[in-house]
N, C-alpha and C. Protein backbone atom coordinates (compact mmCIF):
# COMPACT_ATOMS: atom_id res chain seq x y z
N MET A 1 -262.93 -35.41 26.26
CA MET A 1 -263.53 -36.63 26.86
C MET A 1 -262.44 -37.64 27.19
N ALA A 2 -261.40 -37.74 26.36
CA ALA A 2 -260.34 -38.71 26.62
C ALA A 2 -259.63 -38.40 27.94
N LEU A 3 -259.43 -37.12 28.21
CA LEU A 3 -258.78 -36.73 29.45
C LEU A 3 -259.62 -37.10 30.67
N SER A 4 -260.90 -36.91 30.58
CA SER A 4 -261.82 -37.29 31.66
C SER A 4 -261.83 -38.80 31.84
N SER A 5 -261.81 -39.54 30.75
CA SER A 5 -261.78 -40.99 30.84
C SER A 5 -260.51 -41.46 31.51
N ALA A 6 -259.39 -40.91 31.14
CA ALA A 6 -258.10 -41.27 31.74
C ALA A 6 -258.08 -40.93 33.24
N ALA A 7 -258.63 -39.78 33.59
CA ALA A 7 -258.66 -39.35 34.99
C ALA A 7 -259.54 -40.27 35.83
N ILE A 8 -260.71 -40.60 35.34
CA ILE A 8 -261.62 -41.50 36.08
C ILE A 8 -260.99 -42.89 36.23
N GLY A 9 -260.48 -43.44 35.16
CA GLY A 9 -259.84 -44.76 35.22
C GLY A 9 -258.64 -44.73 36.13
N GLY A 10 -257.84 -43.67 36.05
CA GLY A 10 -256.65 -43.55 36.89
C GLY A 10 -257.00 -43.47 38.36
N PHE A 11 -258.08 -42.73 38.67
CA PHE A 11 -258.52 -42.62 40.05
C PHE A 11 -258.89 -43.99 40.60
N VAL A 12 -259.71 -44.73 39.84
CA VAL A 12 -260.16 -46.06 40.30
C VAL A 12 -258.96 -47.01 40.41
N GLY A 13 -258.08 -47.02 39.40
CA GLY A 13 -256.93 -47.90 39.45
C GLY A 13 -256.00 -47.61 40.60
N THR A 14 -255.78 -46.33 40.86
CA THR A 14 -254.91 -45.92 41.97
C THR A 14 -255.53 -46.29 43.31
N MET A 15 -256.83 -46.14 43.45
CA MET A 15 -257.49 -46.50 44.70
C MET A 15 -257.42 -48.02 44.95
N VAL A 16 -257.60 -48.80 43.90
CA VAL A 16 -257.50 -50.26 44.02
C VAL A 16 -256.09 -50.65 44.45
N ARG A 17 -255.07 -50.04 43.79
CA ARG A 17 -253.68 -50.33 44.16
C ARG A 17 -253.39 -49.94 45.59
N ASP A 18 -253.89 -48.79 46.01
CA ASP A 18 -253.65 -48.34 47.37
C ASP A 18 -254.26 -49.29 48.38
N LEU A 19 -255.46 -49.77 48.11
CA LEU A 19 -256.11 -50.71 49.02
C LEU A 19 -255.34 -52.03 49.08
N LEU A 20 -254.90 -52.53 47.93
CA LEU A 20 -254.18 -53.80 47.90
C LEU A 20 -252.79 -53.68 48.54
N THR A 21 -252.07 -52.62 48.28
CA THR A 21 -250.74 -52.49 48.88
C THR A 21 -250.83 -52.17 50.37
N GLY A 22 -251.91 -51.59 50.81
CA GLY A 22 -252.09 -51.31 52.23
C GLY A 22 -252.23 -52.56 53.06
N LEU A 23 -252.66 -53.63 52.45
CA LEU A 23 -252.78 -54.90 53.18
C LEU A 23 -251.44 -55.54 53.47
N GLU A 24 -250.42 -55.12 52.73
CA GLU A 24 -249.11 -55.77 52.83
C GLU A 24 -248.26 -55.27 53.99
N HIS A 25 -248.41 -54.04 54.39
CA HIS A 25 -247.49 -53.42 55.35
C HIS A 25 -247.88 -53.76 56.79
N LEU A 26 -247.62 -55.00 57.13
CA LEU A 26 -247.85 -55.46 58.50
C LEU A 26 -246.50 -55.54 59.20
N PRO A 27 -246.47 -55.38 60.51
CA PRO A 27 -245.18 -55.43 61.22
C PRO A 27 -244.54 -56.81 61.10
N SER A 28 -243.20 -56.82 61.18
CA SER A 28 -242.42 -58.06 61.13
C SER A 28 -242.71 -58.86 62.40
N PRO A 29 -242.99 -60.17 62.25
CA PRO A 29 -243.28 -60.94 63.46
C PRO A 29 -242.09 -61.07 64.41
N THR A 30 -240.88 -61.00 63.89
CA THR A 30 -239.69 -61.13 64.72
C THR A 30 -239.17 -59.79 65.20
N GLY A 31 -239.67 -58.72 64.62
CA GLY A 31 -239.19 -57.38 64.99
C GLY A 31 -237.93 -56.99 64.26
N SER A 32 -237.25 -57.92 63.64
CA SER A 32 -236.04 -57.59 62.90
C SER A 32 -236.41 -57.25 61.46
N VAL A 33 -235.55 -56.45 60.85
CA VAL A 33 -235.81 -56.04 59.47
C VAL A 33 -234.65 -56.53 58.60
N SER A 34 -234.98 -57.30 57.58
CA SER A 34 -234.00 -57.71 56.60
C SER A 34 -234.48 -57.14 55.26
N TRP A 35 -233.57 -57.18 54.29
CA TRP A 35 -233.93 -56.61 53.01
C TRP A 35 -235.12 -57.36 52.39
N SER A 36 -235.22 -58.67 52.64
CA SER A 36 -236.33 -59.43 52.04
C SER A 36 -237.69 -59.01 52.63
N HIS A 37 -237.67 -58.50 53.84
CA HIS A 37 -238.92 -58.03 54.44
C HIS A 37 -239.40 -56.73 53.78
N GLU A 38 -238.48 -56.03 53.13
CA GLU A 38 -238.81 -54.77 52.48
C GLU A 38 -239.32 -54.94 51.05
N ILE A 39 -239.29 -56.16 50.53
CA ILE A 39 -239.73 -56.38 49.15
C ILE A 39 -241.22 -56.08 49.03
N PRO A 40 -241.60 -55.25 48.08
CA PRO A 40 -243.02 -54.88 47.90
C PRO A 40 -243.78 -55.97 47.11
N TRP A 41 -244.04 -57.11 47.77
CA TRP A 41 -244.65 -58.24 47.07
C TRP A 41 -245.97 -57.90 46.45
N ALA A 42 -246.81 -57.15 47.16
CA ALA A 42 -248.14 -56.79 46.60
C ALA A 42 -247.99 -55.95 45.34
N LEU A 43 -247.10 -54.98 45.36
CA LEU A 43 -246.92 -54.13 44.18
C LEU A 43 -246.32 -54.91 43.02
N LEU A 44 -245.41 -55.82 43.30
CA LEU A 44 -244.86 -56.69 42.23
C LEU A 44 -245.95 -57.52 41.60
N ALA A 45 -246.83 -58.07 42.44
CA ALA A 45 -247.94 -58.89 41.92
C ALA A 45 -248.93 -58.04 41.14
N ILE A 46 -249.24 -56.87 41.64
CA ILE A 46 -250.16 -55.96 40.94
C ILE A 46 -249.59 -55.58 39.59
N ASN A 47 -248.33 -55.25 39.53
CA ASN A 47 -247.70 -54.88 38.26
C ASN A 47 -247.73 -56.05 37.28
N PHE A 48 -247.44 -57.25 37.76
CA PHE A 48 -247.44 -58.44 36.88
C PHE A 48 -248.83 -58.64 36.31
N VAL A 49 -249.83 -58.69 37.17
CA VAL A 49 -251.21 -58.92 36.70
C VAL A 49 -251.69 -57.77 35.81
N GLY A 50 -251.36 -56.55 36.17
CA GLY A 50 -251.77 -55.39 35.38
C GLY A 50 -251.18 -55.40 33.99
N VAL A 51 -249.88 -55.72 33.87
CA VAL A 51 -249.25 -55.78 32.55
C VAL A 51 -249.85 -56.91 31.73
N PHE A 52 -250.05 -58.07 32.38
CA PHE A 52 -250.64 -59.22 31.68
C PHE A 52 -252.03 -58.88 31.13
N LEU A 53 -252.89 -58.35 32.00
CA LEU A 53 -254.27 -58.05 31.58
C LEU A 53 -254.33 -56.93 30.54
N ALA A 54 -253.52 -55.90 30.71
CA ALA A 54 -253.51 -54.81 29.71
C ALA A 54 -253.04 -55.34 28.37
N THR A 55 -252.03 -56.20 28.36
CA THR A 55 -251.55 -56.79 27.12
C THR A 55 -252.61 -57.63 26.46
N ARG A 56 -253.29 -58.44 27.26
CA ARG A 56 -254.39 -59.27 26.72
C ARG A 56 -255.50 -58.42 26.11
N LEU A 57 -255.86 -57.37 26.81
CA LEU A 57 -256.91 -56.49 26.28
C LEU A 57 -256.48 -55.79 25.00
N LEU A 58 -255.22 -55.33 24.98
CA LEU A 58 -254.74 -54.64 23.78
C LEU A 58 -254.55 -55.61 22.61
N ARG A 59 -254.28 -56.83 22.90
CA ARG A 59 -254.14 -57.87 21.86
C ARG A 59 -255.50 -58.43 21.44
N GLY A 60 -256.47 -58.36 22.35
CA GLY A 60 -257.79 -58.94 22.09
C GLY A 60 -258.86 -57.91 21.82
N PRO A 61 -259.78 -57.71 22.79
CA PRO A 61 -260.95 -56.88 22.56
C PRO A 61 -260.68 -55.43 22.19
N LEU A 62 -259.55 -54.87 22.61
CA LEU A 62 -259.27 -53.46 22.33
C LEU A 62 -258.28 -53.30 21.15
N ARG A 63 -258.00 -54.38 20.48
CA ARG A 63 -256.96 -54.39 19.45
C ARG A 63 -257.21 -53.40 18.31
N HIS A 64 -258.41 -53.37 17.80
CA HIS A 64 -258.70 -52.54 16.63
C HIS A 64 -259.31 -51.18 16.99
N ARG A 65 -259.25 -50.83 18.25
CA ARG A 65 -259.78 -49.53 18.64
C ARG A 65 -258.68 -48.48 18.46
N ASP A 66 -259.13 -47.29 18.12
CA ASP A 66 -258.22 -46.14 17.99
C ASP A 66 -257.57 -45.87 19.34
N SER A 67 -256.34 -45.44 19.35
CA SER A 67 -255.64 -45.18 20.60
C SER A 67 -256.30 -44.07 21.41
N ASN A 68 -257.14 -43.26 20.82
CA ASN A 68 -257.88 -42.23 21.52
C ASN A 68 -259.31 -42.61 21.87
N ASP A 69 -259.66 -43.87 21.61
CA ASP A 69 -261.00 -44.38 21.95
C ASP A 69 -261.21 -44.27 23.46
N ARG A 70 -262.34 -43.75 23.88
CA ARG A 70 -262.61 -43.48 25.31
C ARG A 70 -262.51 -44.74 26.15
N THR A 71 -263.03 -45.86 25.65
CA THR A 71 -262.97 -47.10 26.42
C THR A 71 -261.51 -47.53 26.62
N ARG A 72 -260.73 -47.47 25.55
CA ARG A 72 -259.31 -47.84 25.64
C ARG A 72 -258.55 -46.90 26.56
N VAL A 73 -258.82 -45.61 26.50
CA VAL A 73 -258.15 -44.65 27.37
C VAL A 73 -258.57 -44.87 28.83
N LEU A 74 -259.86 -45.13 29.05
CA LEU A 74 -260.36 -45.37 30.41
C LEU A 74 -259.70 -46.60 31.03
N ILE A 75 -259.64 -47.69 30.27
CA ILE A 75 -259.16 -48.96 30.82
C ILE A 75 -257.63 -49.03 30.83
N ILE A 76 -257.00 -48.80 29.68
CA ILE A 76 -255.56 -49.01 29.58
C ILE A 76 -254.77 -47.85 30.20
N THR A 77 -254.98 -46.65 29.66
CA THR A 77 -254.23 -45.49 30.15
C THR A 77 -254.65 -45.14 31.57
N GLY A 78 -255.94 -45.13 31.84
CA GLY A 78 -256.45 -44.71 33.13
C GLY A 78 -256.32 -45.80 34.18
N PHE A 79 -257.14 -46.83 34.08
CA PHE A 79 -257.19 -47.86 35.13
C PHE A 79 -255.85 -48.56 35.31
N PHE A 80 -255.34 -49.16 34.25
CA PHE A 80 -254.09 -49.89 34.39
C PHE A 80 -252.88 -48.97 34.63
N GLY A 81 -252.96 -47.77 34.14
CA GLY A 81 -251.90 -46.78 34.44
C GLY A 81 -251.91 -46.42 35.92
N GLY A 82 -253.07 -46.33 36.53
CA GLY A 82 -253.17 -46.06 37.95
C GLY A 82 -252.92 -47.28 38.82
N LEU A 83 -253.35 -48.44 38.33
CA LEU A 83 -253.18 -49.67 39.10
C LEU A 83 -251.72 -50.07 39.21
N THR A 84 -251.04 -50.11 38.09
CA THR A 84 -249.61 -50.48 38.11
C THR A 84 -248.79 -49.28 38.52
N SER A 85 -247.66 -49.55 39.14
CA SER A 85 -246.81 -48.45 39.58
C SER A 85 -245.36 -48.88 39.59
N TYR A 86 -244.71 -48.69 38.46
CA TYR A 86 -243.29 -48.98 38.43
C TYR A 86 -242.53 -47.85 39.13
N SER A 87 -243.07 -46.64 39.13
CA SER A 87 -242.41 -45.55 39.83
C SER A 87 -242.49 -45.78 41.34
N GLY A 88 -243.57 -46.37 41.81
CA GLY A 88 -243.69 -46.71 43.22
C GLY A 88 -242.65 -47.71 43.67
N LEU A 89 -242.24 -48.58 42.76
CA LEU A 89 -241.21 -49.56 43.09
C LEU A 89 -239.90 -48.87 43.45
N PHE A 90 -239.61 -47.76 42.80
CA PHE A 90 -238.33 -47.09 43.09
C PHE A 90 -238.27 -46.56 44.50
N VAL A 91 -239.39 -46.19 45.08
CA VAL A 91 -239.40 -45.77 46.48
C VAL A 91 -239.06 -46.96 47.35
N ASP A 92 -239.63 -48.13 47.02
CA ASP A 92 -239.35 -49.33 47.78
C ASP A 92 -237.90 -49.80 47.56
N PHE A 93 -237.40 -49.60 46.35
CA PHE A 93 -236.00 -49.96 46.09
C PHE A 93 -235.05 -49.17 46.98
N ALA A 94 -235.38 -47.90 47.23
CA ALA A 94 -234.53 -47.07 48.09
C ALA A 94 -234.47 -47.65 49.51
N ALA A 95 -235.60 -48.14 50.01
CA ALA A 95 -235.61 -48.74 51.35
C ALA A 95 -234.78 -50.02 51.38
N ILE A 96 -234.87 -50.82 50.32
CA ILE A 96 -234.08 -52.04 50.24
C ILE A 96 -232.60 -51.73 50.11
N TRP A 97 -232.29 -50.71 49.30
CA TRP A 97 -230.89 -50.34 49.03
C TRP A 97 -230.14 -50.03 50.31
N HIS A 98 -230.81 -49.37 51.26
CA HIS A 98 -230.16 -48.98 52.51
C HIS A 98 -229.84 -50.20 53.38
N VAL A 99 -230.55 -51.28 53.17
CA VAL A 99 -230.30 -52.50 53.93
C VAL A 99 -229.37 -53.44 53.18
N SER A 100 -229.59 -53.57 51.84
CA SER A 100 -228.78 -54.47 51.04
C SER A 100 -228.77 -54.01 49.58
N PRO A 101 -227.69 -53.40 49.12
CA PRO A 101 -227.61 -53.00 47.70
C PRO A 101 -227.77 -54.22 46.76
N HIS A 102 -227.18 -55.35 47.12
CA HIS A 102 -227.31 -56.54 46.28
C HIS A 102 -228.75 -57.02 46.21
N GLY A 103 -229.41 -57.00 47.37
CA GLY A 103 -230.81 -57.39 47.41
C GLY A 103 -231.67 -56.45 46.57
N CYS A 104 -231.38 -55.18 46.61
CA CYS A 104 -232.10 -54.18 45.82
C CYS A 104 -231.95 -54.46 44.35
N LEU A 105 -230.72 -54.74 43.92
CA LEU A 105 -230.49 -55.01 42.47
C LEU A 105 -231.22 -56.29 42.06
N PHE A 106 -231.22 -57.29 42.93
CA PHE A 106 -231.94 -58.54 42.67
C PHE A 106 -233.43 -58.28 42.45
N VAL A 107 -234.02 -57.49 43.35
CA VAL A 107 -235.46 -57.21 43.26
C VAL A 107 -235.74 -56.34 42.03
N ALA A 108 -234.89 -55.39 41.72
CA ALA A 108 -235.10 -54.51 40.57
C ALA A 108 -235.06 -55.31 39.27
N VAL A 109 -234.07 -56.16 39.12
CA VAL A 109 -234.00 -57.00 37.92
C VAL A 109 -235.18 -57.93 37.84
N GLY A 110 -235.59 -58.49 38.96
CA GLY A 110 -236.75 -59.38 39.01
C GLY A 110 -238.05 -58.63 38.61
N ALA A 111 -238.17 -57.40 39.05
CA ALA A 111 -239.36 -56.61 38.74
C ALA A 111 -239.45 -56.34 37.23
N ILE A 112 -238.31 -55.99 36.65
CA ILE A 112 -238.29 -55.71 35.21
C ILE A 112 -238.55 -56.97 34.41
N LEU A 113 -237.90 -58.06 34.79
CA LEU A 113 -238.10 -59.32 34.06
C LEU A 113 -239.54 -59.83 34.22
N SER A 114 -240.13 -59.66 35.38
CA SER A 114 -241.50 -60.11 35.57
C SER A 114 -242.46 -59.34 34.68
N GLY A 115 -242.20 -58.04 34.49
CA GLY A 115 -243.03 -57.25 33.57
C GLY A 115 -242.90 -57.72 32.15
N VAL A 116 -241.68 -58.05 31.75
CA VAL A 116 -241.47 -58.59 30.39
C VAL A 116 -242.17 -59.92 30.22
N VAL A 117 -242.06 -60.79 31.22
CA VAL A 117 -242.71 -62.10 31.16
C VAL A 117 -244.23 -61.95 31.14
N ALA A 118 -244.77 -61.04 31.94
CA ALA A 118 -246.21 -60.80 31.95
C ALA A 118 -246.70 -60.35 30.57
N GLY A 119 -245.97 -59.41 29.95
CA GLY A 119 -246.35 -58.97 28.62
C GLY A 119 -246.25 -60.08 27.60
N TRP A 120 -245.20 -60.87 27.71
CA TRP A 120 -245.03 -61.99 26.78
C TRP A 120 -246.15 -63.01 26.94
N LEU A 121 -246.51 -63.31 28.20
CA LEU A 121 -247.62 -64.25 28.44
C LEU A 121 -248.92 -63.70 27.91
N GLY A 122 -249.14 -62.40 28.07
CA GLY A 122 -250.35 -61.79 27.53
C GLY A 122 -250.43 -61.90 26.03
N LEU A 123 -249.30 -61.73 25.34
CA LEU A 123 -249.25 -61.87 23.90
C LEU A 123 -249.35 -63.34 23.47
N ALA A 124 -248.63 -64.20 24.19
CA ALA A 124 -248.58 -65.61 23.81
C ALA A 124 -249.93 -66.30 24.02
N SER A 125 -250.76 -65.79 24.91
CA SER A 125 -252.05 -66.44 25.19
C SER A 125 -253.00 -66.36 23.99
N PHE A 126 -252.68 -65.52 23.01
CA PHE A 126 -253.48 -65.40 21.80
C PHE A 126 -252.88 -66.17 20.65
N GLY A 127 -251.70 -66.73 20.81
CA GLY A 127 -251.03 -67.41 19.71
C GLY A 127 -250.47 -66.39 18.74
N THR A 128 -250.01 -66.88 17.60
CA THR A 128 -249.44 -65.98 16.59
C THR A 128 -250.42 -65.63 15.52
């Protein structure tokens, strides 16, 4: 049952991510391409919100649930696992790298730090 829960949640999370990131890929108004135009803003925002919400849920309502609990597997492993995509960022990093290696490193460090900040905010919102 846990595997089915993860699969269903992952399907829904991945579909939501695909719909949201699909809104971002509009043509450049100037026709020119710079490394900043390649930044996956939607995916960065999705990852930030996903990490924040997953952390809040794990610190709050899902805190005392067993790690194999179907609800926890459906929501955290499935939905948020499908919604967030740090592996997808690496595909975007490759596109940025070809235009600006420095820009790529800047975005990569920013993506990692934003995930840490999102997790910290999710934990801090409950106090100590």
